[in-house]
PDB file of N, CA and C in Angstrom:
ATOM      1  N   MET A   1      13.577 -36.645  10.194  1.00  0.00           N
ATOM      2  CA  MET A   1      14.302 -35.453  10.428  1.00  0.00           C
ATOM      3  C   MET A   1      15.712 -35.608   9.892  1.00  0.00           C
ATOM      4  N   PRO A   2      16.227 -34.625   9.093  1.00  0.00           N
ATOM      5  CA  PRO A   2      17.548 -34.758   8.490  1.00  0.00           C
ATOM      6  C   PRO A   2      18.646 -34.692   9.553  1.00  0.00           C
ATOM      7  N   SER A   3      19.689 -35.448   9.249  1.00  0.00           N
ATOM      8  CA  SER A   3      20.842 -35.501  10.160  1.00  0.00           C
ATOM      9  C   SER A   3      21.728 -34.264   9.920  1.00  0.00           C
ATOM     10  N   ILE A   4      22.229 -33.725  11.000  1.00  0.00           N
ATOM     11  CA  ILE A   4      23.125 -32.556  10.912  1.00  0.00           C
ATOM     12  C   ILE A   4      24.555 -33.015  11.079  1.00  0.00           C
ATOM     13  N   ASP A   5      25.377 -32.651  10.120  1.00  0.00           N
ATOM     14  CA  ASP A   5      26.766 -32.985  10.168  1.00  0.00           C
ATOM     15  C   ASP A   5      27.448 -32.108  11.227  1.00  0.00           C
ATOM     16  N   PRO A   6      28.096 -32.703  12.233  1.00  0.00           N
ATOM     17  CA  PRO A   6      28.714 -31.905  13.286  1.00  0.00           C
ATOM     18  C   PRO A   6      29.764 -30.929  12.739  1.00  0.00           C
ATOM     19  N   ARG A   7      30.458 -31.296  11.700  1.00  0.00           N
ATOM     20  CA  ARG A   7      31.474 -30.371  11.129  1.00  0.00           C
ATOM     21  C   ARG A   7      30.817 -29.143  10.522  1.00  0.00           C
ATOM     22  N   GLN A   8      29.690 -29.342   9.865  1.00  0.00           N
ATOM     23  CA  GLN A   8      28.951 -28.199   9.305  1.00  0.00           C
ATOM     24  C   GLN A   8      28.452 -27.277  10.408  1.00  0.00           C
ATOM     25  N   LEU A   9      27.954 -27.908  11.494  1.00  0.00           N
ATOM     26  CA  LEU A   9      27.474 -27.125  12.616  1.00  0.00           C
ATOM     27  C   LEU A   9      28.624 -26.334  13.250  1.00  0.00           C
ATOM     28  N   GLN A  10      29.766 -26.956  13.370  1.00  0.00           N
ATOM     29  CA  GLN A  10      30.918 -26.276  13.958  1.00  0.00           C
ATOM     30  C   GLN A  10      31.362 -25.146  13.063  1.00  0.00           C
ATOM     31  N   ASP A  11      31.394 -25.374  11.750  1.00  0.00           N
ATOM     32  CA  ASP A  11      31.755 -24.325  10.790  1.00  0.00           C
ATOM     33  C   ASP A  11      30.773 -23.157  10.887  1.00  0.00           C
ATOM     34  N   LEU A  12      29.507 -23.462  10.971  1.00  0.00           N
ATOM     35  CA  LEU A  12      28.458 -22.434  11.088  1.00  0.00           C
ATOM     36  C   LEU A  12      28.662 -21.629  12.356  1.00  0.00           C
ATOM     37  N   MET A  13      28.945 -22.285  13.452  1.00  0.00           N
ATOM     38  CA  MET A  13      29.164 -21.584  14.713  1.00  0.00           C
ATOM     39  C   MET A  13      30.426 -20.713  14.666  1.00  0.00           C
ATOM     40  N   SER A  14      31.456 -21.203  14.033  1.00  0.00           N
ATOM     41  CA  SER A  14      32.684 -20.398  13.877  1.00  0.00           C
ATOM     42  C   SER A  14      32.458 -19.166  13.067  1.00  0.00           C
ATOM     43  N   GLN A  15      31.721 -19.327  11.973  1.00  0.00           N
ATOM     44  CA  GLN A  15      31.384 -18.173  11.105  1.00  0.00           C
ATOM     45  C   GLN A  15      30.532 -17.178  11.873  1.00  0.00           C
ATOM     46  N   ALA A  16      29.565 -17.663  12.616  1.00  0.00           N
ATOM     47  CA  ALA A  16      28.686 -16.763  13.399  1.00  0.00           C
ATOM     48  C   ALA A  16      29.523 -15.989  14.427  1.00  0.00           C
ATOM     49  N   LYS A  17      30.472 -16.679  15.077  1.00  0.00           N
ATOM     50  CA  LYS A  17      31.326 -16.011  16.051  1.00  0.00           C
ATOM     51  C   LYS A  17      32.173 -14.931  15.372  1.00  0.00           C
ATOM     52  N   ARG A  18      32.745 -15.239  14.213  1.00  0.00           N
ATOM     53  CA  ARG A  18      33.587 -14.256  13.502  1.00  0.00           C
ATOM     54  C   ARG A  18      32.739 -13.057  13.087  1.00  0.00           C
ATOM     55  N   GLN A  19      31.529 -13.299  12.620  1.00  0.00           N
ATOM     56  CA  GLN A  19      30.648 -12.212  12.185  1.00  0.00           C
ATOM     57  C   GLN A  19      30.259 -11.341  13.392  1.00  0.00           C
ATOM     58  N   ALA A  20      30.005 -11.961  14.532  1.00  0.00           N
ATOM     59  CA  ALA A  20      29.658 -11.205  15.721  1.00  0.00           C
ATOM     60  C   ALA A  20      30.837 -10.306  16.150  1.00  0.00           C
ATOM     61  N   GLU A  21      32.043 -10.851  16.075  1.00  0.00           N
ATOM     62  CA  GLU A  21      33.254 -10.071  16.404  1.00  0.00           C
ATOM     63  C   GLU A  21      33.431  -8.917  15.394  1.00  0.00           C
ATOM     64  N   ASP A  22      33.206  -9.205  14.127  1.00  0.00           N
ATOM     65  CA  ASP A  22      33.291  -8.159  13.096  1.00  0.00           C
ATOM     66  C   ASP A  22      32.271  -7.054  13.359  1.00  0.00           C
ATOM     67  N   LEU A  23      31.051  -7.461  13.696  1.00  0.00           N
ATOM     68  CA  LEU A  23      29.984  -6.469  13.959  1.00  0.00           C
ATOM     69  C   LEU A  23      30.366  -5.606  15.129  1.00  0.00           C
ATOM     70  N   GLN A  24      30.891  -6.215  16.214  1.00  0.00           N
ATOM     71  CA  GLN A  24      31.275  -5.425  17.369  1.00  0.00           C
ATOM     72  C   GLN A  24      32.350  -4.443  17.022  1.00  0.00           C
ATOM     73  N   LYS A  25      33.312  -4.844  16.207  1.00  0.00           N
ATOM     74  CA  LYS A  25      34.388  -3.937  15.806  1.00  0.00           C
ATOM     75  C   LYS A  25      33.818  -2.776  14.945  1.00  0.00           C
ATOM     76  N   LYS A  26      32.918  -3.135  13.978  1.00  0.00           N
ATOM     77  CA  LYS A  26      32.331  -2.087  13.149  1.00  0.00           C
ATOM     78  C   LYS A  26      31.540  -1.105  13.954  1.00  0.00           C
ATOM     79  N   MET A  27      30.812  -1.574  14.967  1.00  0.00           N
ATOM     80  CA  MET A  27      30.007  -0.680  15.780  1.00  0.00           C
ATOM     81  C   MET A  27      30.916   0.219  16.634  1.00  0.00           C
ATOM     82  N   GLN A  28      32.070  -0.302  17.057  1.00  0.00           N
ATOM     83  CA  GLN A  28      33.008   0.534  17.819  1.00  0.00           C
ATOM     84  C   GLN A  28      33.549   1.644  16.928  1.00  0.00           C
ATOM     85  N   GLU A  29      33.685   1.375  15.669  1.00  0.00           N
ATOM     86  CA  GLU A  29      34.224   2.351  14.707  1.00  0.00           C
ATOM     87  C   GLU A  29      33.142   3.303  14.173  1.00  0.00           C
ATOM     88  N   THR A  30      31.863   3.017  14.430  1.00  0.00           N
ATOM     89  CA  THR A  30      30.774   3.808  13.912  1.00  0.00           C
ATOM     90  C   THR A  30      30.571   5.056  14.759  1.00  0.00           C
ATOM     91  N   THR A  31      30.347   6.137  14.080  1.00  0.00           N
ATOM     92  CA  THR A  31      30.026   7.424  14.756  1.00  0.00           C
ATOM     93  C   THR A  31      28.869   8.041  14.000  1.00  0.00           C
ATOM     94  N   VAL A  32      27.885   8.532  14.735  1.00  0.00           N
ATOM     95  CA  VAL A  32      26.726   9.192  14.148  1.00  0.00           C
ATOM     96  C   VAL A  32      26.582  10.582  14.736  1.00  0.00           C
ATOM     97  N   GLU A  33      25.945  11.452  13.995  1.00  0.00           N
ATOM     98  CA  GLU A  33      25.611  12.797  14.483  1.00  0.00           C
ATOM     99  C   GLU A  33      24.118  13.032  14.229  1.00  0.00           C
ATOM    100  N   ALA A  34      23.515  13.710  15.155  1.00  0.00           N
ATOM    101  CA  ALA A  34      22.093  14.095  14.978  1.00  0.00           C
ATOM    102  C   ALA A  34      21.925  15.489  15.577  1.00  0.00           C
ATOM    103  N   SER A  35      21.011  16.226  14.990  1.00  0.00           N
ATOM    104  CA  SER A  35      20.789  17.582  15.485  1.00  0.00           C
ATOM    105  C   SER A  35      19.300  17.825  15.742  1.00  0.00           C
ATOM    106  N   ALA A  36      19.062  18.860  16.506  1.00  0.00           N
ATOM    107  CA  ALA A  36      17.673  19.283  16.789  1.00  0.00           C
ATOM    108  C   ALA A  36      17.621  20.791  16.771  1.00  0.00           C
ATOM    109  N   GLY A  37      16.427  21.293  16.564  1.00  0.00           N
ATOM    110  CA  GLY A  37      16.237  22.738  16.551  1.00  0.00           C
ATOM    111  C   GLY A  37      16.933  23.407  15.365  1.00  0.00           C
ATOM    112  N   GLY A  38      16.869  22.717  14.221  1.00  0.00           N
ATOM    113  CA  GLY A  38      17.473  23.297  13.010  1.00  0.00           C
ATOM    114  C   GLY A  38      18.997  23.438  13.140  1.00  0.00           C
ATOM    115  N   GLY A  39      19.618  22.546  13.889  1.00  0.00           N
ATOM    116  CA  GLY A  39      21.062  22.572  14.055  1.00  0.00           C
ATOM    117  C   GLY A  39      21.524  23.328  15.304  1.00  0.00           C
ATOM    118  N   SER A  40      20.576  23.774  16.109  1.00  0.00           N
ATOM    119  CA  SER A  40      20.943  24.505  17.330  1.00  0.00           C
ATOM    120  C   SER A  40      21.771  23.633  18.290  1.00  0.00           C
ATOM    121  N   VAL A  41      21.410  22.319  18.305  1.00  0.00           N
ATOM    122  CA  VAL A  41      22.103  21.372  19.158  1.00  0.00           C
ATOM    123  C   VAL A  41      22.451  20.169  18.318  1.00  0.00           C
ATOM    124  N   THR A  42      23.742  19.737  18.393  1.00  0.00           N
ATOM    125  CA  THR A  42      24.190  18.548  17.661  1.00  0.00           C
ATOM    126  C   THR A  42      24.849  17.600  18.643  1.00  0.00           C
ATOM    127  N   ALA A  43      24.427  16.321  18.595  1.00  0.00           N
ATOM    128  CA  ALA A  43      24.996  15.290  19.459  1.00  0.00           C
ATOM    129  C   ALA A  43      25.755  14.293  18.576  1.00  0.00           C
ATOM    130  N   LYS A  44      26.939  13.904  19.042  1.00  0.00           N
ATOM    131  CA  LYS A  44      27.768  12.932  18.365  1.00  0.00           C
ATOM    132  C   LYS A  44      27.885  11.718  19.282  1.00  0.00           C
ATOM    133  N   MET A  45      27.599  10.491  18.696  1.00  0.00           N
ATOM    134  CA  MET A  45      27.540   9.298  19.518  1.00  0.00           C
ATOM    135  C   MET A  45      28.254   8.177  18.762  1.00  0.00           C
ATOM    136  N   ASN A  46      28.907   7.272  19.517  1.00  0.00           N
ATOM    137  CA  ASN A  46      29.531   6.133  18.846  1.00  0.00           C
ATOM    138  C   ASN A  46      28.560   4.958  18.796  1.00  0.00           C
ATOM    139  N   GLY A  47      28.976   3.894  18.134  1.00  0.00           N
ATOM    140  CA  GLY A  47      28.127   2.739  17.918  1.00  0.00           C
ATOM    141  C   GLY A  47      27.776   1.983  19.153  1.00  0.00           C
ATOM    142  N   GLN A  48      28.406   2.296  20.278  1.00  0.00           N
ATOM    143  CA  GLN A  48      28.076   1.678  21.557  1.00  0.00           C
ATOM    144  C   GLN A  48      27.176   2.586  22.389  1.00  0.00           C
ATOM    145  N   LYS A  49      26.638   3.585  21.724  1.00  0.00           N
ATOM    146  CA  LYS A  49      25.712   4.563  22.318  1.00  0.00           C
ATOM    147  C   LYS A  49      26.373   5.362  23.445  1.00  0.00           C
ATOM    148  N   GLN A  50      27.632   5.602  23.297  1.00  0.00           N
ATOM    149  CA  GLN A  50      28.315   6.512  24.225  1.00  0.00           C
ATOM    150  C   GLN A  50      28.315   7.903  23.611  1.00  0.00           C
ATOM    151  N   LEU A  51      27.859   8.880  24.350  1.00  0.00           N
ATOM    152  CA  LEU A  51      27.802  10.252  23.873  1.00  0.00           C
ATOM    153  C   LEU A  51      29.228  10.778  23.811  1.00  0.00           C
ATOM    154  N   LEU A  52      29.670  11.192  22.608  1.00  0.00           N
ATOM    155  CA  LEU A  52      31.031  11.680  22.447  1.00  0.00           C
ATOM    156  C   LEU A  52      31.116  13.200  22.583  1.00  0.00           C
ATOM    157  N   SER A  53      30.141  13.896  22.094  1.00  0.00           N
ATOM    158  CA  SER A  53      30.156  15.369  22.226  1.00  0.00           C
ATOM    159  C   SER A  53      28.762  15.925  21.986  1.00  0.00           C
ATOM    160  N   VAL A  54      28.604  17.147  22.501  1.00  0.00           N
ATOM    161  CA  VAL A  54      27.371  17.921  22.255  1.00  0.00           C
ATOM    162  C   VAL A  54      27.826  19.319  21.874  1.00  0.00           C
ATOM    163  N   ARG A  55      27.335  19.792  20.723  1.00  0.00           N
ATOM    164  CA  ARG A  55      27.639  21.158  20.305  1.00  0.00           C
ATOM    165  C   ARG A  55      26.350  21.968  20.410  1.00  0.00           C
ATOM    166  N   ILE A  56      26.464  23.163  21.006  1.00  0.00           N
ATOM    167  CA  ILE A  56      25.318  24.036  21.164  1.00  0.00           C
ATOM    168  C   ILE A  56      25.631  25.343  20.495  1.00  0.00           C
ATOM    169  N   ASP A  57      24.783  25.748  19.579  1.00  0.00           N
ATOM    170  CA  ASP A  57      24.954  27.035  18.919  1.00  0.00           C
ATOM    171  C   ASP A  57      24.799  28.137  19.955  1.00  0.00           C
ATOM    172  N   PRO A  58      25.749  29.050  20.005  1.00  0.00           N
ATOM    173  CA  PRO A  58      25.671  30.141  20.982  1.00  0.00           C
ATOM    174  C   PRO A  58      24.356  30.907  20.945  1.00  0.00           C
ATOM    175  N   GLU A  59      23.740  30.989  19.758  1.00  0.00           N
ATOM    176  CA  GLU A  59      22.446  31.696  19.668  1.00  0.00           C
ATOM    177  C   GLU A  59      21.380  31.002  20.512  1.00  0.00           C
ATOM    178  N   ALA A  60      21.459  29.665  20.635  1.00  0.00           N
ATOM    179  CA  ALA A  60      20.499  28.921  21.426  1.00  0.00           C
ATOM    180  C   ALA A  60      20.655  29.260  22.900  1.00  0.00           C
ATOM    181  N   VAL A  61      21.847  29.604  23.311  1.00  0.00           N
ATOM    182  CA  VAL A  61      22.100  29.950  24.717  1.00  0.00           C
ATOM    183  C   VAL A  61      21.641  31.375  24.988  1.00  0.00           C
ATOM    184  N   THR A  62      21.914  32.287  24.064  1.00  0.00           N
ATOM    185  CA  THR A  62      21.542  33.672  24.279  1.00  0.00           C
ATOM    186  C   THR A  62      20.058  33.904  24.204  1.00  0.00           C
ATOM    187  N   ALA A  63      19.324  32.946  23.642  1.00  0.00           N
ATOM    188  CA  ALA A  63      17.870  33.068  23.566  1.00  0.00           C
ATOM    189  C   ALA A  63      17.279  33.081  24.948  1.00  0.00           C
ATOM    190  N   GLY A  64      17.948  32.510  25.922  1.00  0.00           N
ATOM    191  CA  GLY A  64      17.459  32.586  27.325  1.00  0.00           C
ATOM    192  C   GLY A  64      16.423  31.574  27.699  1.00  0.00           C
ATOM    193  N   ASP A  65      16.001  30.730  26.799  1.00  0.00           N
ATOM    194  CA  ASP A  65      14.969  29.723  27.085  1.00  0.00           C
ATOM    195  C   ASP A  65      15.660  28.411  27.465  1.00  0.00           C
ATOM    196  N   LEU A  66      16.014  28.284  28.722  1.00  0.00           N
ATOM    197  CA  LEU A  66      16.763  27.126  29.206  1.00  0.00           C
ATOM    198  C   LEU A  66      16.000  25.836  29.002  1.00  0.00           C
ATOM    199  N   GLU A  67      14.680  25.863  29.279  1.00  0.00           N
ATOM    200  CA  GLU A  67      13.858  24.674  29.117  1.00  0.00           C
ATOM    201  C   GLU A  67      13.894  24.166  27.652  1.00  0.00           C
ATOM    202  N   MET A  68      13.795  25.107  26.705  1.00  0.00           N
ATOM    203  CA  MET A  68      13.814  24.692  25.279  1.00  0.00           C
ATOM    204  C   MET A  68      15.174  24.109  24.930  1.00  0.00           C
ATOM    205  N   LEU A  69      16.242  24.703  25.423  1.00  0.00           N
ATOM    206  CA  LEU A  69      17.602  24.206  25.182  1.00  0.00           C
ATOM    207  C   LEU A  69      17.752  22.798  25.742  1.00  0.00           C
ATOM    208  N   GLN A  70      17.267  22.536  26.930  1.00  0.00           N
ATOM    209  CA  GLN A  70      17.318  21.197  27.512  1.00  0.00           C
ATOM    210  C   GLN A  70      16.550  20.204  26.646  1.00  0.00           C
ATOM    211  N   ASP A  71      15.370  20.606  26.185  1.00  0.00           N
ATOM    212  CA  ASP A  71      14.595  19.706  25.302  1.00  0.00           C
ATOM    213  C   ASP A  71      15.321  19.409  23.992  1.00  0.00           C
ATOM    214  N   LEU A  72      16.017  20.407  23.436  1.00  0.00           N
ATOM    215  CA  LEU A  72      16.757  20.211  22.193  1.00  0.00           C
ATOM    216  C   LEU A  72      17.918  19.240  22.431  1.00  0.00           C
ATOM    217  N   ILE A  73      18.559  19.318  23.558  1.00  0.00           N
ATOM    218  CA  ILE A  73      19.666  18.413  23.870  1.00  0.00           C
ATOM    219  C   ILE A  73      19.143  16.992  23.968  1.00  0.00           C
ATOM    220  N   VAL A  74      18.052  16.812  24.676  1.00  0.00           N
ATOM    221  CA  VAL A  74      17.442  15.484  24.806  1.00  0.00           C
ATOM    222  C   VAL A  74      17.052  14.928  23.439  1.00  0.00           C
ATOM    223  N   ALA A  75      16.443  15.787  22.614  1.00  0.00           N
ATOM    224  CA  ALA A  75      15.996  15.344  21.279  1.00  0.00           C
ATOM    225  C   ALA A  75      17.212  14.933  20.394  1.00  0.00           C
ATOM    226  N   ALA A  76      18.290  15.709  20.432  1.00  0.00           N
ATOM    227  CA  ALA A  76      19.448  15.386  19.623  1.00  0.00           C
ATOM    228  C   ALA A  76      20.081  14.079  20.097  1.00  0.00           C
ATOM    229  N   VAL A  77      20.191  13.894  21.380  1.00  0.00           N
ATOM    230  CA  VAL A  77      20.811  12.645  21.913  1.00  0.00           C
ATOM    231  C   VAL A  77      19.917  11.449  21.577  1.00  0.00           C
ATOM    232  N   ASN A  78      18.615  11.576  21.728  1.00  0.00           N
ATOM    233  CA  ASN A  78      17.686  10.490  21.367  1.00  0.00           C
ATOM    234  C   ASN A  78      17.767  10.138  19.887  1.00  0.00           C
ATOM    235  N   GLU A  79      17.858  11.154  19.029  1.00  0.00           N
ATOM    236  CA  GLU A  79      17.941  10.920  17.602  1.00  0.00           C
ATOM    237  C   GLU A  79      19.280  10.222  17.264  1.00  0.00           C
ATOM    238  N   ALA A  80      20.347  10.588  17.930  1.00  0.00           N
ATOM    239  CA  ALA A  80      21.637   9.893  17.688  1.00  0.00           C
ATOM    240  C   ALA A  80      21.519   8.441  18.089  1.00  0.00           C
ATOM    241  N   GLY A  81      20.841   8.156  19.177  1.00  0.00           N
ATOM    242  CA  GLY A  81      20.619   6.746  19.601  1.00  0.00           C
ATOM    243  C   GLY A  81      19.829   5.983  18.558  1.00  0.00           C
ATOM    244  N   ARG A  82      18.841   6.623  17.953  1.00  0.00           N
ATOM    245  CA  ARG A  82      18.045   5.944  16.888  1.00  0.00           C
ATOM    246  C   ARG A  82      18.931   5.670  15.685  1.00  0.00           C
ATOM    247  N   LYS A  83      19.806   6.609  15.346  1.00  0.00           N
ATOM    248  CA  LYS A  83      20.680   6.403  14.228  1.00  0.00           C
ATOM    249  C   LYS A  83      21.649   5.242  14.461  1.00  0.00           C
ATOM    250  N   VAL A  84      22.110   5.087  15.697  1.00  0.00           N
ATOM    251  CA  VAL A  84      22.981   3.953  16.024  1.00  0.00           C
ATOM    252  C   VAL A  84      22.185   2.643  15.828  1.00  0.00           C
ATOM    253  N   ASP A  85      20.944   2.620  16.306  1.00  0.00           N
ATOM    254  CA  ASP A  85      20.081   1.436  16.118  1.00  0.00           C
ATOM    255  C   ASP A  85      19.914   1.109  14.642  1.00  0.00           C
ATOM    256  N   GLU A  86      19.715   2.142  13.829  1.00  0.00           N
ATOM    257  CA  GLU A  86      19.552   1.910  12.366  1.00  0.00           C
ATOM    258  C   GLU A  86      20.833   1.327  11.758  1.00  0.00           C
ATOM    259  N   GLU A  87      21.972   1.854  12.176  1.00  0.00           N
ATOM    260  CA  GLU A  87      23.264   1.315  11.696  1.00  0.00           C
ATOM    261  C   GLU A  87      23.419  -0.144  12.065  1.00  0.00           C
ATOM    262  N   LEU A  88      23.080  -0.451  13.313  1.00  0.00           N
ATOM    263  CA  LEU A  88      23.201  -1.837  13.787  1.00  0.00           C
ATOM    264  C   LEU A  88      22.264  -2.758  12.990  1.00  0.00           C
ATOM    265  N   GLN A  89      21.040  -2.324  12.789  1.00  0.00           N
ATOM    266  CA  GLN A  89      20.084  -3.135  12.010  1.00  0.00           C
ATOM    267  C   GLN A  89      20.609  -3.378  10.610  1.00  0.00           C
ATOM    268  N   SER A  90      21.147  -2.321  10.003  1.00  0.00           N
ATOM    269  CA  SER A  90      21.653  -2.424   8.633  1.00  0.00           C
ATOM    270  C   SER A  90      22.839  -3.404   8.576  1.00  0.00           C
ATOM    271  N   LYS A  91      23.730  -3.325   9.530  1.00  0.00           N
ATOM    272  CA  LYS A  91      24.895  -4.190   9.516  1.00  0.00           C
ATOM    273  C   LYS A  91      24.545  -5.622   9.847  1.00  0.00           C
ATOM    274  N   VAL A  92      23.642  -5.805  10.814  1.00  0.00           N
ATOM    275  CA  VAL A  92      23.242  -7.161  11.188  1.00  0.00           C
ATOM    276  C   VAL A  92      22.468  -7.827  10.036  1.00  0.00           C
ATOM    277  N   GLY A  93      21.623  -7.062   9.363  1.00  0.00           N
ATOM    278  CA  GLY A  93      20.874  -7.612   8.232  1.00  0.00           C
ATOM    279  C   GLY A  93      21.782  -8.133   7.164  1.00  0.00           C
ATOM    280  N   GLY A  94      22.801  -7.396   6.838  1.00  0.00           N
ATOM    281  CA  GLY A  94      23.748  -7.834   5.825  1.00  0.00           C
ATOM    282  C   GLY A  94      24.537  -9.058   6.232  1.00  0.00           C
ATOM    283  N   MET A  95      24.882  -9.138   7.505  1.00  0.00           N
ATOM    284  CA  MET A  95      25.624 -10.307   7.999  1.00  0.00           C
ATOM    285  C   MET A  95      24.755 -11.570   8.038  1.00  0.00           C
ATOM    286  N   LEU A  96      23.488 -11.385   8.415  1.00  0.00           N
ATOM    287  CA  LEU A  96      22.590 -12.540   8.487  1.00  0.00           C
ATOM    288  C   LEU A  96      22.323 -13.132   7.108  1.00  0.00           C
ATOM    289  N   GLY A  97      22.338 -12.276   6.097  1.00  0.00           N
ATOM    290  CA  GLY A  97      22.134 -12.761   4.735  1.00  0.00           C
ATOM    291  C   GLY A  97      23.223 -13.729   4.331  1.00  0.00           C
ATOM    292  N   GLY A  98      24.451 -13.468   4.709  1.00  0.00           N
ATOM    293  CA  GLY A  98      25.563 -14.354   4.392  1.00  0.00           C
ATOM    294  C   GLY A  98      25.491 -15.632   5.167  1.00  0.00           C
ATOM    295  N   LEU A  99      25.041 -15.559   6.416  1.00  0.00           N
ATOM    296  CA  LEU A  99      24.941 -16.711   7.280  1.00  0.00           C
ATOM    297  C   LEU A  99      23.835 -17.644   6.799  1.00  0.00           C
ATOM    298  N   ALA A 100      22.751 -17.092   6.338  1.00  0.00           N
ATOM    299  CA  ALA A 100      21.615 -17.859   5.850  1.00  0.00           C
ATOM    300  C   ALA A 100      21.996 -18.714   4.656  1.00  0.00           C
ATOM    301  N   GLY A 101      22.935 -18.255   3.882  1.00  0.00           N
ATOM    302  CA  GLY A 101      23.356 -18.999   2.715  1.00  0.00           C
ATOM    303  C   GLY A 101      24.007 -20.320   3.057  1.00  0.00           C
ATOM    304  N   MET A 102      24.539 -20.452   4.295  1.00  0.00           N
ATOM    305  CA  MET A 102      25.166 -21.706   4.722  1.00  0.00           C
ATOM    306  C   MET A 102      24.159 -22.739   5.183  1.00  0.00           C
ATOM    307  N   LEU A 103      22.942 -22.299   5.501  1.00  0.00           N
ATOM    308  CA  LEU A 103      21.945 -23.237   6.043  1.00  0.00           C
ATOM    309  C   LEU A 103      21.288 -24.016   4.966  1.00  0.00           C
TER     310      LEU A 103
END
């Protein structure tokens, strides 16, 4: 079994810590939007999956179908959450590629 240089391991751990901190900062700065019902409802979410805003087209309210409006809100919020997950995967994948080069 090959010997691991403690300095290399420490450097690797330091780089991983820096990249994790960078990722956390990038996700805090990330904002996504998703809509449902052809734009009737739009949800805006940050990279920490905190809902920032919900916009509802007044036409969706005047339609009088409260159950449909509730479903559209849920769909828009869920889609925004999926977009955050995609952003995270994209950013983590890029960071792991750089880390793998050190191994």
